[in-house]
C-alpha atoms as a PDB file:
ATOM      1  CA  MET A   1     212.070  98.181 249.326  1.00  0.00           C
ATOM      2  CA  LEU A   2     210.121  95.519 247.478  1.00  0.00           C
ATOM      3  CA  ASP A   3     209.569  92.190 249.242  1.00  0.00           C
ATOM      4  CA  ILE A   4     210.199  89.419 246.683  1.00  0.00           C
ATOM      5  CA  LYS A   5     209.624  86.452 248.970  1.00  0.00           C
ATOM      6  CA  GLY A   6     207.644  83.769 247.141  1.00  0.00           C
ATOM      7  CA  LYS A   7     207.889  85.429 243.737  1.00  0.00           C
ATOM      8  CA  TRP A   8     209.504  83.727 240.729  1.00  0.00           C
ATOM      9  CA  ALA A   9     212.460  85.158 238.818  1.00  0.00           C
ATOM     10  CA  LEU A  10     214.101  84.030 235.587  1.00  0.00           C
ATOM     11  CA  ILE A  11     217.847  84.665 235.539  1.00  0.00           C
ATOM     12  CA  THR A  12     219.714  84.108 232.285  1.00  0.00           C
ATOM     13  CA  GLY A  13     223.375  83.182 232.416  1.00  0.00           C
ATOM     14  CA  ALA A  14     222.887  82.007 235.984  1.00  0.00           C
ATOM     15  CA  SER A  15     225.434  79.207 236.185  1.00  0.00           C
ATOM     16  CA  ARG A  16     228.494  81.353 236.843  1.00  0.00           C
ATOM     17  CA  GLY A  17     229.838  84.851 237.368  1.00  0.00           C
ATOM     18  CA  LEU A  18     227.436  87.701 237.997  1.00  0.00           C
ATOM     19  CA  GLY A  19     224.373  85.589 237.226  1.00  0.00           C
ATOM     20  CA  ARG A  20     225.288  83.131 239.936  1.00  0.00           C
ATOM     21  CA  LEU A  21     225.942  85.895 242.470  1.00  0.00           C
ATOM     22  CA  ALA A  22     222.606  87.489 241.598  1.00  0.00           C
ATOM     23  CA  ALA A  23     220.805  84.171 241.971  1.00  0.00           C
ATOM     24  CA  VAL A  24     222.185  83.604 245.465  1.00  0.00           C
ATOM     25  CA  LEU A  25     221.240  87.132 246.543  1.00  0.00           C
ATOM     26  CA  MET A  26     217.725  86.689 245.204  1.00  0.00           C
ATOM     27  CA  ALA A  27     217.382  83.341 246.959  1.00  0.00           C
ATOM     28  CA  LYS A  28     218.483  84.915 250.229  1.00  0.00           C
ATOM     29  CA  GLN A  29     215.561  87.318 249.787  1.00  0.00           C
ATOM     30  CA  GLY A  30     213.194  84.346 249.441  1.00  0.00           C
ATOM     31  CA  CYS A  31     212.726  84.495 245.673  1.00  0.00           C
ATOM     32  CA  ASN A  32     212.065  81.292 243.732  1.00  0.00           C
ATOM     33  CA  LEU A  33     214.293  80.882 240.697  1.00  0.00           C
ATOM     34  CA  VAL A  34     214.313  79.667 237.111  1.00  0.00           C
ATOM     35  CA  LEU A  35     218.009  79.373 236.318  1.00  0.00           C
ATOM     36  CA  HIS A  36     219.101  79.523 232.698  1.00  0.00           C
ATOM     37  CA  SER A  37     222.350  78.341 231.145  1.00  0.00           C
ATOM     38  CA  ARG A  38     223.331  76.822 227.812  1.00  0.00           C
ATOM     39  CA  ASP A  39     223.108  73.365 229.404  1.00  0.00           C
ATOM     40  CA  VAL A  40     220.913  72.638 232.423  1.00  0.00           C
ATOM     41  CA  SER A  41     223.687  70.565 234.012  1.00  0.00           C
ATOM     42  CA  HIS A  42     225.770  73.725 234.381  1.00  0.00           C
ATOM     43  CA  CYS A  43     223.367  74.874 237.099  1.00  0.00           C
ATOM     44  CA  ASP A  44     223.523  71.675 239.188  1.00  0.00           C
ATOM     45  CA  SER A  45     225.674  73.068 241.998  1.00  0.00           C
ATOM     46  CA  LEU A  46     223.804  76.386 242.011  1.00  0.00           C
ATOM     47  CA  LEU A  47     220.466  74.595 242.316  1.00  0.00           C
ATOM     48  CA  LYS A  48     221.717  72.826 245.437  1.00  0.00           C
ATOM     49  CA  GLU A  49     222.975  76.094 246.880  1.00  0.00           C
ATOM     50  CA  VAL A  50     219.786  78.091 246.388  1.00  0.00           C
ATOM     51  CA  LYS A  51     217.468  75.262 247.421  1.00  0.00           C
ATOM     52  CA  ALA A  52     219.432  75.023 250.658  1.00  0.00           C
ATOM     53  CA  LEU A  53     218.336  78.610 251.268  1.00  0.00           C
ATOM     54  CA  GLY A  54     214.714  77.420 251.311  1.00  0.00           C
ATOM     55  CA  VAL A  55     213.456  78.491 247.891  1.00  0.00           C
ATOM     56  CA  GLN A  56     212.087  76.563 244.932  1.00  0.00           C
ATOM     57  CA  ALA A  57     214.259  76.430 241.836  1.00  0.00           C
ATOM     58  CA  TYR A  58     214.804  74.588 238.577  1.00  0.00           C
ATOM     59  CA  ALA A  59     217.067  74.950 235.557  1.00  0.00           C
ATOM     60  CA  VAL A  60     216.348  75.494 231.878  1.00  0.00           C
ATOM     61  CA  GLY A  61     218.730  75.385 228.950  1.00  0.00           C
ATOM     62  CA  ALA A  62     218.956  77.369 225.730  1.00  0.00           C
ATOM     63  CA  GLU A  63     221.599  78.702 223.391  1.00  0.00           C
ATOM     64  CA  LEU A  64     220.638  82.386 223.206  1.00  0.00           C
ATOM     65  CA  SER A  65     221.976  82.815 219.674  1.00  0.00           C
ATOM     66  CA  ASP A  66     219.275  80.324 218.597  1.00  0.00           C
ATOM     67  CA  ILE A  67     216.024  82.257 218.937  1.00  0.00           C
ATOM     68  CA  ASP A  68     213.947  79.123 218.334  1.00  0.00           C
ATOM     69  CA  ALA A  69     215.717  77.576 221.337  1.00  0.00           C
ATOM     70  CA  VAL A  70     214.898  80.677 223.394  1.00  0.00           C
ATOM     71  CA  LYS A  71     211.219  80.370 222.450  1.00  0.00           C
ATOM     72  CA  ALA A  72     211.270  76.666 223.335  1.00  0.00           C
ATOM     73  CA  MET A  73     212.730  77.538 226.740  1.00  0.00           C
ATOM     74  CA  LEU A  74     209.942  80.040 227.351  1.00  0.00           C
ATOM     75  CA  ALA A  75     207.348  77.455 226.329  1.00  0.00           C
ATOM     76  CA  GLU A  76     208.886  75.027 228.808  1.00  0.00           C
ATOM     77  CA  ILE A  77     208.574  77.577 231.611  1.00  0.00           C
ATOM     78  CA  ASP A  78     204.945  78.213 230.673  1.00  0.00           C
ATOM     79  CA  ALA A  79     204.226  74.481 230.557  1.00  0.00           C
ATOM     80  CA  LYS A  80     205.432  74.174 234.139  1.00  0.00           C
ATOM     81  CA  GLY A  81     202.920  76.828 235.163  1.00  0.00           C
ATOM     82  CA  THR A  82     205.618  79.122 236.551  1.00  0.00           C
ATOM     83  CA  ASN A  83     204.464  82.696 237.109  1.00  0.00           C
ATOM     84  CA  VAL A  84     207.617  84.628 236.260  1.00  0.00           C
ATOM     85  CA  GLU A  85     207.260  88.131 237.699  1.00  0.00           C
ATOM     86  CA  ILE A  86     210.934  89.129 237.649  1.00  0.00           C
ATOM     87  CA  VAL A  87     213.448  88.823 234.802  1.00  0.00           C
ATOM     88  CA  LEU A  88     217.189  89.356 235.050  1.00  0.00           C
ATOM     89  CA  ASN A  89     218.555  89.300 231.501  1.00  0.00           C
ATOM     90  CA  ASN A  90     222.102  88.795 232.705  1.00  0.00           C
ATOM     91  CA  ALA A  91     223.596  86.574 229.988  1.00  0.00           C
ATOM     92  CA  GLY A  92     225.804  88.228 227.394  1.00  0.00           C
ATOM     93  CA  LEU A  93     228.440  87.433 224.813  1.00  0.00           C
ATOM     94  CA  GLN A  94     231.610  89.326 223.904  1.00  0.00           C
ATOM     95  CA  ILE A  95     232.294  87.718 220.572  1.00  0.00           C
ATOM     96  CA  ALA A  96     235.857  88.981 219.948  1.00  0.00           C
ATOM     97  CA  TYR A  97     238.364  91.786 220.411  1.00  0.00           C
ATOM     98  CA  ARG A  98     239.377  92.923 216.918  1.00  0.00           C
ATOM     99  CA  THR A  99     242.731  94.705 216.917  1.00  0.00           C
ATOM    100  CA  GLU A 100     242.279  95.052 213.164  1.00  0.00           C
ATOM    101  CA  TYR A 101     238.864  96.595 213.672  1.00  0.00           C
ATOM    102  CA  LEU A 102     238.427  97.703 210.063  1.00  0.00           C
ATOM    103  CA  THR A 103     238.172  94.035 209.158  1.00  0.00           C
ATOM    104  CA  THR A 104     235.439  93.309 211.728  1.00  0.00           C
ATOM    105  CA  PRO A 105     233.330  90.520 210.195  1.00  0.00           C
ATOM    106  CA  VAL A 106     229.582  90.778 209.780  1.00  0.00           C
ATOM    107  CA  SER A 107     229.235  87.692 211.972  1.00  0.00           C
ATOM    108  CA  ASP A 108     230.394  89.714 214.999  1.00  0.00           C
ATOM    109  CA  TYR A 109     227.286  91.856 214.675  1.00  0.00           C
ATOM    110  CA  ASP A 110     224.990  88.987 213.784  1.00  0.00           C
ATOM    111  CA  ILE A 111     225.866  86.818 216.779  1.00  0.00           C
ATOM    112  CA  SER A 112     226.201  89.730 219.213  1.00  0.00           C
ATOM    113  CA  PHE A 113     222.799  91.147 218.383  1.00  0.00           C
ATOM    114  CA  LYS A 114     221.125  87.752 218.657  1.00  0.00           C
ATOM    115  CA  VAL A 115     222.553  87.076 222.127  1.00  0.00           C
ATOM    116  CA  ASN A 116     222.754  90.577 223.605  1.00  0.00           C
ATOM    117  CA  THR A 117     219.721  92.313 222.104  1.00  0.00           C
ATOM    118  CA  ILE A 118     217.246  90.024 220.368  1.00  0.00           C
ATOM    119  CA  ALA A 119     217.132  87.176 222.895  1.00  0.00           C
ATOM    120  CA  PRO A 120     216.642  89.503 225.910  1.00  0.00           C
ATOM    121  CA  MET A 121     213.887  91.360 224.107  1.00  0.00           C
ATOM    122  CA  VAL A 122     212.141  88.138 223.047  1.00  0.00           C
ATOM    123  CA  ILE A 123     212.119  87.254 226.742  1.00  0.00           C
ATOM    124  CA  CYS A 124     210.782  90.693 227.682  1.00  0.00           C
ATOM    125  CA  TYR A 125     208.033  90.540 225.071  1.00  0.00           C
ATOM    126  CA  HIS A 126     207.030  87.087 226.288  1.00  0.00           C
ATOM    127  CA  PHE A 127     206.538  87.990 229.937  1.00  0.00           C
ATOM    128  CA  LEU A 128     205.346  91.591 229.736  1.00  0.00           C
ATOM    129  CA  PRO A 129     201.733  90.772 228.713  1.00  0.00           C
ATOM    130  CA  LYS A 130     201.466  88.547 231.808  1.00  0.00           C
ATOM    131  CA  MET A 131     202.999  91.293 233.934  1.00  0.00           C
ATOM    132  CA  GLU A 132     200.507  93.774 232.502  1.00  0.00           C
ATOM    133  CA  LYS A 133     197.598  91.476 233.360  1.00  0.00           C
ATOM    134  CA  ALA A 134     198.867  91.063 236.923  1.00  0.00           C
ATOM    135  CA  GLY A 135     199.797  94.712 237.302  1.00  0.00           C
ATOM    136  CA  PHE A 136     203.288  93.857 238.500  1.00  0.00           C
ATOM    137  CA  GLY A 137     206.689  93.041 237.068  1.00  0.00           C
ATOM    138  CA  ARG A 138     210.394  93.803 237.213  1.00  0.00           C
ATOM    139  CA  ILE A 139     212.899  93.473 234.361  1.00  0.00           C
ATOM    140  CA  VAL A 140     216.605  94.275 234.634  1.00  0.00           C
ATOM    141  CA  ASN A 141     218.620  94.119 231.419  1.00  0.00           C
ATOM    142  CA  THR A 142     222.403  93.972 231.726  1.00  0.00           C
ATOM    143  CA  THR A 143     224.293  96.417 229.530  1.00  0.00           C
ATOM    144  CA  SER A 144     227.885  97.590 229.176  1.00  0.00           C
ATOM    145  CA  GLY A 145     229.733 100.859 229.600  1.00  0.00           C
ATOM    146  CA  ILE A 146     232.219 100.080 226.818  1.00  0.00           C
ATOM    147  CA  ASN A 147     232.703 103.228 224.750  1.00  0.00           C
ATOM    148  CA  LEU A 148     235.037 104.471 221.990  1.00  0.00           C
ATOM    149  CA  GLU A 149     236.370 100.972 221.331  1.00  0.00           C
ATOM    150  CA  PRO A 150     235.778  99.926 217.727  1.00  0.00           C
ATOM    151  CA  GLU A 151     237.726  96.789 218.627  1.00  0.00           C
ATOM    152  CA  GLN A 152     234.555  95.562 220.343  1.00  0.00           C
ATOM    153  CA  ALA A 153     232.045  96.946 217.859  1.00  0.00           C
ATOM    154  CA  GLY A 154     229.677  93.979 217.733  1.00  0.00           C
ATOM    155  CA  TYR A 155     229.421  93.739 221.499  1.00  0.00           C
ATOM    156  CA  SER A 156     229.157  97.451 222.253  1.00  0.00           C
ATOM    157  CA  ALA A 157     226.655  98.104 219.463  1.00  0.00           C
ATOM    158  CA  SER A 158     224.408  95.266 220.610  1.00  0.00           C
ATOM    159  CA  LYS A 159     224.450  96.595 224.173  1.00  0.00           C
ATOM    160  CA  ALA A 160     223.728 100.133 222.968  1.00  0.00           C
ATOM    161  CA  ALA A 161     220.734  98.736 221.100  1.00  0.00           C
ATOM    162  CA  LEU A 162     219.592  96.962 224.273  1.00  0.00           C
ATOM    163  CA  ASP A 163     219.810 100.290 226.130  1.00  0.00           C
ATOM    164  CA  LYS A 164     217.636 101.968 223.523  1.00  0.00           C
ATOM    165  CA  VAL A 165     214.883  99.380 223.326  1.00  0.00           C
ATOM    166  CA  THR A 166     214.765  98.993 227.119  1.00  0.00           C
ATOM    167  CA  ARG A 167     214.331 102.715 227.680  1.00  0.00           C
ATOM    168  CA  ASP A 168     211.811 103.056 224.874  1.00  0.00           C
ATOM    169  CA  LEU A 169     209.793 100.109 226.147  1.00  0.00           C
ATOM    170  CA  GLY A 170     210.054 101.293 229.738  1.00  0.00           C
ATOM    171  CA  SER A 171     208.402 104.588 228.807  1.00  0.00           C
ATOM    172  CA  LYS A 172     205.156 102.682 228.275  1.00  0.00           C
ATOM    173  CA  TYR A 173     205.134 101.579 231.925  1.00  0.00           C
ATOM    174  CA  GLU A 174     206.228 104.787 233.625  1.00  0.00           C
ATOM    175  CA  GLY A 175     204.307 105.324 236.864  1.00  0.00           C
ATOM    176  CA  SER A 176     203.147 101.709 237.095  1.00  0.00           C
ATOM    177  CA  ASP A 177     204.256  98.742 239.176  1.00  0.00           C
ATOM    178  CA  ILE A 178     206.051  97.322 236.137  1.00  0.00           C
ATOM    179  CA  ILE A 179     209.617  98.622 236.152  1.00  0.00           C
ATOM    180  CA  LEU A 180     212.261  98.082 233.461  1.00  0.00           C
ATOM    181  CA  SER A 181     215.830  99.047 234.322  1.00  0.00           C
ATOM    182  CA  LEU A 182     219.347  98.639 232.988  1.00  0.00           C
ATOM    183  CA  THR A 183     222.446  97.702 234.932  1.00  0.00           C
ATOM    184  CA  ASP A 184     226.096  98.071 233.989  1.00  0.00           C
ATOM    185  CA  PRO A 185     228.209  95.738 236.159  1.00  0.00           C
ATOM    186  CA  GLY A 186     231.478  97.455 235.266  1.00  0.00           C
ATOM    187  CA  TRP A 187     234.587  95.606 234.147  1.00  0.00           C
ATOM    188  CA  CYS A 188     234.678  92.539 236.391  1.00  0.00           C
ATOM    189  CA  ARG A 189     236.939  89.508 236.549  1.00  0.00           C
ATOM    190  CA  THR A 190     234.407  87.086 235.098  1.00  0.00           C
ATOM    191  CA  ASP A 191     234.800  84.701 232.184  1.00  0.00           C
ATOM    192  CA  LEU A 192     233.553  87.524 229.962  1.00  0.00           C
ATOM    193  CA  GLY A 193     235.597  90.307 231.575  1.00  0.00           C
ATOM    194  CA  GLY A 194     238.835  88.357 231.868  1.00  0.00           C
ATOM    195  CA  GLU A 195     241.504  88.209 234.543  1.00  0.00           C
ATOM    196  CA  LYS A 196     242.825  91.730 233.872  1.00  0.00           C
ATOM    197  CA  ALA A 197     239.565  93.416 234.881  1.00  0.00           C
ATOM    198  CA  PRO A 198     239.933  95.767 237.865  1.00  0.00           C
ATOM    199  CA  ASN A 199     236.796  94.737 239.747  1.00  0.00           C
ATOM    200  CA  ALA A 200     235.982  91.558 241.637  1.00  0.00           C
ATOM    201  CA  PRO A 201     232.657  90.034 240.550  1.00  0.00           C
ATOM    202  CA  GLU A 202     231.339  90.481 244.097  1.00  0.00           C
ATOM    203  CA  SER A 203     231.669  94.259 243.725  1.00  0.00           C
ATOM    204  CA  ALA A 204     228.773  94.239 241.239  1.00  0.00           C
ATOM    205  CA  VAL A 205     226.364  93.000 243.917  1.00  0.00           C
ATOM    206  CA  PRO A 206     223.896  94.420 244.931  1.00  0.00           C
ATOM    207  CA  GLY A 207     224.060  96.855 242.012  1.00  0.00           C
ATOM    208  CA  VAL A 208     223.183  94.323 239.330  1.00  0.00           C
ATOM    209  CA  VAL A 209     219.873  93.516 241.025  1.00  0.00           C
ATOM    210  CA  VAL A 210     218.920  96.850 242.582  1.00  0.00           C
ATOM    211  CA  GLY A 211     216.316  97.479 239.874  1.00  0.00           C
ATOM    212  CA  VAL A 212     214.310  94.498 241.114  1.00  0.00           C
ATOM    213  CA  PHE A 213     213.656  96.073 244.489  1.00  0.00           C
ATOM    214  CA  LEU A 214     212.463  99.534 243.428  1.00  0.00           C
ATOM    215  CA  THR A 215     208.952 100.634 244.303  1.00  0.00           C
ATOM    216  CA  ASP A 216     208.872 104.157 242.834  1.00  0.00           C
ATOM    217  CA  GLY A 217     207.283 103.317 239.475  1.00  0.00           C
ATOM    218  CA  ARG A 218     210.083 104.927 237.462  1.00  0.00           C
ATOM    219  CA  ASN A 219     211.410 103.222 234.367  1.00  0.00           C
ATOM    220  CA  GLY A 220     214.396 103.278 232.048  1.00  0.00           C
ATOM    221  CA  ARG A 221     217.181 104.164 234.476  1.00  0.00           C
ATOM    222  CA  LEU A 222     220.674 102.750 234.141  1.00  0.00           C
ATOM    223  CA  PHE A 223     222.298 101.709 237.409  1.00  0.00           C
ATOM    224  CA  ALA A 224     226.094 101.451 237.375  1.00  0.00           C
ATOM    225  CA  ALA A 225     226.693  98.538 239.738  1.00  0.00           C
ATOM    226  CA  GLN A 226     230.048  99.828 240.916  1.00  0.00           C
ATOM    227  CA  ASP A 227     228.269 102.877 242.384  1.00  0.00           C
ATOM    228  CA  PHE A 228     226.665 100.496 244.883  1.00  0.00           C
ATOM    229  CA  ALA A 229     229.714  98.352 245.682  1.00  0.00           C
ATOM    230  CA  GLY A 230     229.957  97.452 249.353  1.00  0.00           C
ATOM    231  CA  MET A 231     226.481  98.766 250.186  1.00  0.00           C
ATOM    232  CA  SER A 232     223.689  96.872 251.878  1.00  0.00           C
ATOM    233  CA  LEU A 233     220.740  96.044 249.646  1.00  0.00           C
ATOM    234  CA  GLU A 234     218.540  98.447 251.596  1.00  0.00           C
ATOM    235  CA  ASP A 235     220.979 101.348 251.194  1.00  0.00           C
ATOM    236  CA  ALA A 236     221.481 100.531 247.518  1.00  0.00           C
ATOM    237  CA  VAL A 237     217.740 100.674 246.872  1.00  0.00           C
ATOM    238  CA  ALA A 238     217.442 104.001 248.678  1.00  0.00           C
ATOM    239  CA  LYS A 239     220.294 105.423 246.588  1.00  0.00           C
ATOM    240  CA  ALA A 240     218.785 104.100 243.357  1.00  0.00           C
ATOM    241  CA  GLU A 241     215.375 105.584 244.110  1.00  0.00           C
ATOM    242  CA  ALA A 242     217.010 108.964 244.738  1.00  0.00           C
ATOM    243  CA  MET A 243     218.367 109.029 241.179  1.00  0.00           C
ATOM    244  CA  PRO A 244     216.608 111.336 238.698  1.00  0.00           C
ATOM    245  CA  SER A 245     213.997 110.066 236.284  1.00  0.00           C
ATOM    246  CA  VAL A 246     214.785 109.404 232.633  1.00  0.00           C
ATOM    247  CA  TYR A 247     211.528 110.641 231.089  1.00  0.00           C
END
C-alpha cells in the first residue's frame, strides 16, 4: 500500500460530505491537503480538524462551472509552490431531477458537463505534465452509477463522459507509477444524494480513496465504494489490486 505521508493532495468539494470524509482519512495518513470549495470560508472547520492531525493544509475557492475560475485556482496553487501529486476530483453537481424528462433544458447539459466533466479534466490536464516529470501521480475521479434514468440526463451523461475520458487518458499511463482511477460512492445521504439515500456517507470510505493507495501500475478501473464499506484501508487496497485490469 502506498505511503502518502508528506505528499500533497488537492481535494475538490472538500468542505462537506464525501470530500470532507476523504480529507480527514488522507490527513490521518499524513497527507498534506489543498482543500477546495466554492468559498474558502466553507473549509474553515475542516482546516482546523486536519491541521490538528499534524498535516499542512490550506483552502482554495472556485466555482467549477466557471472554467476561468478553475484556472485561476490552479494558478494560485502553483504560485504557492505546492507540489500536488494526488488529485481527488470529488466535487459534483446534480442539476435537477426532471419528471418531465422530454422537456429537459439544454442548460442541464451545459452546467453538468462544465462541473462534472470539463472542470475535473482541466485539473487533470494541469497536473499530469508535472506528474509525468516526477514519474509519480494519483488521480481519482468521482463518477456515478445512475443508469436508465432520463430524469437525470444532464448529470448521468456528464458522469458517463468523465468515465470515458478518464479511462482513455489512463491508458497512456498503464504500467507506470501514475494511476488514474474512478470511484462510484453509491447513493449516499449527502447534500447531493438527499435524505432518502440508503447509504450513510461514512460507508463510502475507504472506497472513495482506495485508488490513491494502489501500487500496481494499473489504470482506468472503477471502484464501487460500497464494495469496500466497513473494510480497513489496507484490506480495501488489497481487494482493489486483486480486481482485473481494464486494458
